[in-house]
């Protein structure tokens, strides 16, 4: 049997490296673990951590093709982040100019959640702990 232990990281390709770097660090609060320019690929790779845990690799590539990215499209539906208080976290995002959907309650768990997007339209979710 395959014995997976955890999700190691999530890789995201962005269209505007500086804009996405600012969003994930200043808006969402990720810390930069490493930042590498890969000259052969004309590409940046940014390793991002949250509370000391390596989570996201943010890549830039010249002219990446667009991808369908709505929550109901085939493929990755969304990336969810756990927060203690969804209402408070959503308000903090709105203060930084990020549009969030109305807060809803999960009918199965009774937990609050909301969706928003990153600068490239990647669907992201806040889910209450």
Foldseek 3Di string as FASTA:
>chain_A
DDDDDDDQEAEEEDADVVQLVCCVCVVVNWDWPDWDQDVVQNKIWTFTHDPPGTYYIYMYGPDDDADDADLVDPDDNAAEDEDADAVVSQVSNVVVVWDKDDWDADPVPRWIKIWTAGPSRHIYMYTHD
